[in-house]
Amino acid sequence: MGRLAGHPGEDKTRLMTFERALPGCIVVNQAGKRYFNEAASYHIAGHAMIENNKKGASTIPSYILFDSQYRHAYPMGPVLPLLPDWILSSAIKSVLIKGKTWEEVAKKAGLPWAPLKETIENFNKHAREGKDPEFLRGDDPYDCYYGDRRSSRTQPCEHWTRDHFTPSLVTQATSAPMAGSLSTRTRR
């Protein structure tokens, strides 16, 4: 088994089970496309990352995209809500990419803008109706287990309404905001 790298500046890994299931975020590959139900269980998400890892659309690492509303309401790995970014360690700040628009974020992250724009528009269009026809996010009772019951929108599909956005790297090893290495051996 390969050594699992932790978050930048840490010597441990973090399991990211509920962050990606909360409303207001999606996970995309390096081609700017969603490729699985983000609210699925950890083992299903891990398999999806491995099975969808293809040249030109690599999933390892992937990006988890969330807006400022998400950032202020929910934790993302070691990034806690309501804590200003200046408090974060420089190692943690190094994996957060911020911008005033998704286009700016795409450019900074090296993601192709046109497919990412299409992904975001498609997700938001269906999320307004509380649906995810592409990956059925929210259809399985498990998908809503980690949802935010305080949200006024259908769980866990919630479209973005804010102007400031942040993506962070996600790897199969920890499914957390960082880059790492692992063995891709899986049991079937």
Protein backbone atom coordinates (compact mmCIF):
# COMPACT_ATOMS: atom_id res chain seq x y z
CA MET A 1 0.00 0.00 0.00
CA GLY A 2 1.36 3.43 -0.84
CA ARG A 3 1.99 5.97 1.90
CA LEU A 4 -0.93 8.35 2.29
CA ALA A 5 0.03 12.00 2.42
CA GLY A 6 -1.79 14.24 4.88
CA HIS A 7 -2.98 17.80 4.54
CA PRO A 8 -0.19 20.26 3.84
CA GLY A 9 1.73 20.88 7.05
CA GLU A 10 0.24 17.81 8.75
CA ASP A 11 1.55 14.30 9.19
CA LYS A 12 -1.85 12.62 9.14
CA THR A 13 -4.69 12.10 6.73
CA ARG A 14 -8.24 13.30 7.19
CA LEU A 15 -11.33 11.49 6.08
CA MET A 16 -13.68 13.77 4.18
CA THR A 17 -17.05 12.06 4.46
CA PHE A 18 -19.58 14.80 5.08
CA GLU A 19 -18.03 17.93 3.52
CA ARG A 20 -18.71 16.86 -0.06
CA ALA A 21 -22.31 15.89 0.80
CA LEU A 22 -23.28 19.33 2.11
CA PRO A 23 -25.23 21.71 -0.13
CA GLY A 24 -23.31 24.24 -2.18
CA CYS A 25 -20.37 22.16 -3.39
CA ILE A 26 -19.46 19.81 -6.22
CA VAL A 27 -16.39 17.76 -7.14
CA VAL A 28 -14.91 18.01 -10.65
CA ASN A 29 -12.10 16.26 -12.46
CA GLN A 30 -9.23 18.07 -14.15
CA ALA A 31 -11.40 18.48 -17.25
CA GLY A 32 -13.90 20.54 -15.22
CA LYS A 33 -16.62 17.87 -15.21
CA ARG A 34 -18.48 16.15 -12.39
CA TYR A 35 -18.07 12.39 -12.49
CA PHE A 36 -19.97 10.98 -9.49
CA ASN A 37 -22.58 11.66 -6.82
CA GLU A 38 -20.67 13.74 -4.25
CA ALA A 39 -23.02 12.69 -1.44
CA ALA A 40 -22.34 8.97 -1.98
CA SER A 41 -20.60 6.94 0.70
CA TYR A 42 -16.84 7.19 1.07
CA HIS A 43 -16.05 3.83 -0.54
CA ILE A 44 -18.28 4.57 -3.55
CA ALA A 45 -16.64 8.00 -3.96
CA GLY A 46 -13.17 6.42 -3.75
CA HIS A 47 -14.02 3.82 -6.38
CA ALA A 48 -15.48 6.53 -8.63
CA MET A 49 -12.23 8.50 -8.41
CA ILE A 50 -10.16 5.45 -9.37
CA GLU A 51 -12.50 4.16 -12.07
CA ASN A 52 -12.93 7.58 -13.74
CA ASN A 53 -9.24 8.51 -13.67
CA LYS A 54 -8.50 8.86 -17.39
CA LYS A 55 -5.95 10.71 -19.46
CA GLY A 56 -7.24 14.19 -20.23
CA ALA A 57 -9.83 13.96 -17.44
CA SER A 58 -7.78 12.86 -14.44
CA THR A 59 -9.62 12.54 -11.15
CA ILE A 60 -6.55 12.23 -8.93
CA PRO A 61 -6.46 14.89 -7.75
CA SER A 62 -9.91 16.34 -8.25
CA TYR A 63 -11.24 19.72 -7.17
CA ILE A 64 -14.03 20.30 -4.69
CA LEU A 65 -15.71 23.58 -5.55
CA PHE A 66 -17.62 25.60 -2.99
CA ASP A 67 -18.79 29.18 -2.68
CA SER A 68 -18.42 31.72 0.10
CA GLN A 69 -21.81 30.73 1.55
CA TYR A 70 -20.48 27.19 1.98
CA ARG A 71 -17.14 28.50 3.30
CA HIS A 72 -18.90 30.50 6.03
CA ALA A 73 -21.35 27.75 7.01
CA TYR A 74 -19.44 24.46 6.87
CA PRO A 75 -15.97 23.01 7.56
CA MET A 76 -13.78 21.80 4.70
CA GLY A 77 -11.16 19.52 6.19
CA PRO A 78 -9.03 21.71 8.47
CA VAL A 79 -10.69 24.91 7.20
CA LEU A 80 -13.35 25.83 9.73
CA PRO A 81 -16.30 28.16 9.10
CA LEU A 82 -16.16 31.72 10.39
CA LEU A 83 -12.39 31.60 10.86
CA PRO A 84 -10.75 34.20 8.63
CA ASP A 85 -8.30 32.89 6.05
CA TRP A 86 -5.41 34.84 7.59
CA ILE A 87 -5.58 32.46 10.58
CA LEU A 88 -4.98 29.41 8.36
CA SER A 89 -1.46 28.04 8.08
CA SER A 90 0.41 28.90 4.91
CA ALA A 91 0.38 25.19 4.03
CA ILE A 92 -3.41 25.04 4.17
CA LYS A 93 -3.76 28.35 2.30
CA SER A 94 -1.54 26.90 -0.44
CA VAL A 95 -4.27 24.46 -1.51
CA LEU A 96 -7.12 26.96 -1.44
CA ILE A 97 -7.66 28.82 -4.69
CA LYS A 98 -9.95 31.83 -4.50
CA GLY A 99 -11.47 34.13 -7.05
CA LYS A 100 -14.26 36.65 -7.54
CA THR A 101 -15.72 34.57 -10.39
CA TRP A 102 -15.66 30.92 -11.38
CA GLU A 103 -13.75 31.92 -14.51
CA GLU A 104 -11.00 33.44 -12.38
CA VAL A 105 -10.90 30.31 -10.22
CA ALA A 106 -10.71 28.06 -13.29
CA LYS A 107 -7.77 30.04 -14.63
CA LYS A 108 -5.89 29.94 -11.30
CA ALA A 109 -6.58 26.21 -10.87
CA GLY A 110 -5.66 25.33 -14.45
CA LEU A 111 -9.16 24.03 -15.17
CA PRO A 112 -10.65 24.53 -18.65
CA TRP A 113 -13.24 27.28 -18.33
CA ALA A 114 -15.81 26.26 -20.96
CA PRO A 115 -16.46 22.73 -19.59
CA LEU A 116 -16.40 23.99 -15.98
CA LYS A 117 -18.90 26.73 -16.83
CA GLU A 118 -21.17 24.15 -18.46
CA THR A 119 -20.85 21.87 -15.41
CA ILE A 120 -21.73 24.65 -12.98
CA GLU A 121 -24.63 25.94 -15.09
CA ASN A 122 -26.01 22.42 -15.53
CA PHE A 123 -25.73 21.60 -11.83
CA ASN A 124 -27.30 24.91 -10.77
CA LYS A 125 -30.16 24.58 -13.27
CA HIS A 126 -31.18 21.20 -11.88
CA ALA A 127 -30.36 22.06 -8.24
CA ARG A 128 -32.91 24.89 -8.38
CA GLU A 129 -35.46 22.12 -8.94
CA GLY A 130 -33.85 19.92 -6.25
CA LYS A 131 -32.72 17.37 -8.81
CA ASP A 132 -29.52 15.82 -10.12
CA PRO A 133 -30.44 13.83 -13.25
CA GLU A 134 -26.78 13.21 -14.07
CA PHE A 135 -25.71 11.41 -10.85
CA LEU A 136 -28.96 11.25 -8.82
CA ARG A 137 -27.50 13.15 -5.87
CA GLY A 138 -30.16 13.31 -3.19
CA ASP A 139 -32.19 10.33 -4.43
CA ASP A 140 -30.70 7.82 -1.98
CA PRO A 141 -31.51 8.35 1.72
CA TYR A 142 -27.77 8.06 2.48
CA ASP A 143 -27.13 11.16 0.35
CA CYS A 144 -29.06 13.30 2.82
CA TYR A 145 -27.56 11.81 5.98
CA TYR A 146 -24.91 14.53 6.19
CA GLY A 147 -27.11 17.26 4.72
CA ASP A 148 -27.83 20.54 6.44
CA ARG A 149 -31.33 20.39 7.84
CA ARG A 150 -31.21 24.19 8.36
CA SER A 151 -31.04 24.80 4.61
CA SER A 152 -34.17 26.06 2.92
CA ARG A 153 -33.27 24.33 -0.33
CA THR A 154 -33.68 20.69 -1.28
CA GLN A 155 -30.83 18.59 0.09
CA PRO A 156 -28.10 18.04 -0.89
CA CYS A 157 -28.43 19.79 -4.23
CA GLU A 158 -28.18 23.50 -3.68
CA HIS A 159 -27.14 25.98 -6.33
CA TRP A 160 -24.60 28.73 -5.74
CA THR A 161 -25.80 32.22 -5.06
CA ARG A 162 -22.64 34.04 -3.98
CA ASP A 163 -19.89 35.73 -5.95
CA HIS A 164 -16.75 34.42 -4.20
CA PHE A 165 -15.71 30.87 -4.89
CA THR A 166 -13.03 28.52 -3.63
CA PRO A 167 -11.91 25.19 -5.05
CA SER A 168 -9.61 22.86 -3.20
CA LEU A 169 -7.73 19.75 -4.28
CA VAL A 170 -9.23 16.38 -3.39
CA THR A 171 -7.47 13.05 -3.68
CA GLN A 172 -8.76 9.52 -3.52
CA ALA A 173 -6.36 8.78 -0.69
CA THR A 174 -8.03 11.04 1.81
CA SER A 175 -10.82 12.64 -0.16
CA ALA A 176 -9.65 15.84 1.48
CA PRO A 177 -8.25 19.16 0.28
CA MET A 178 -4.68 18.17 -0.52
CA ALA A 179 -2.62 16.20 -2.99
CA GLY A 180 -1.28 12.79 -2.03
CA SER A 181 -0.18 9.42 -3.24
CA LEU A 182 -1.64 5.97 -2.77
CA SER A 183 -1.78 2.48 -4.12
CA THR A 184 -4.69 2.04 -6.51
CA ARG A 185 -5.23 -1.61 -5.59
CA THR A 186 -8.92 -2.19 -4.99
CA ARG A 187 -11.00 -5.18 -3.98
CA ARG A 188 -13.93 -6.14 -6.16
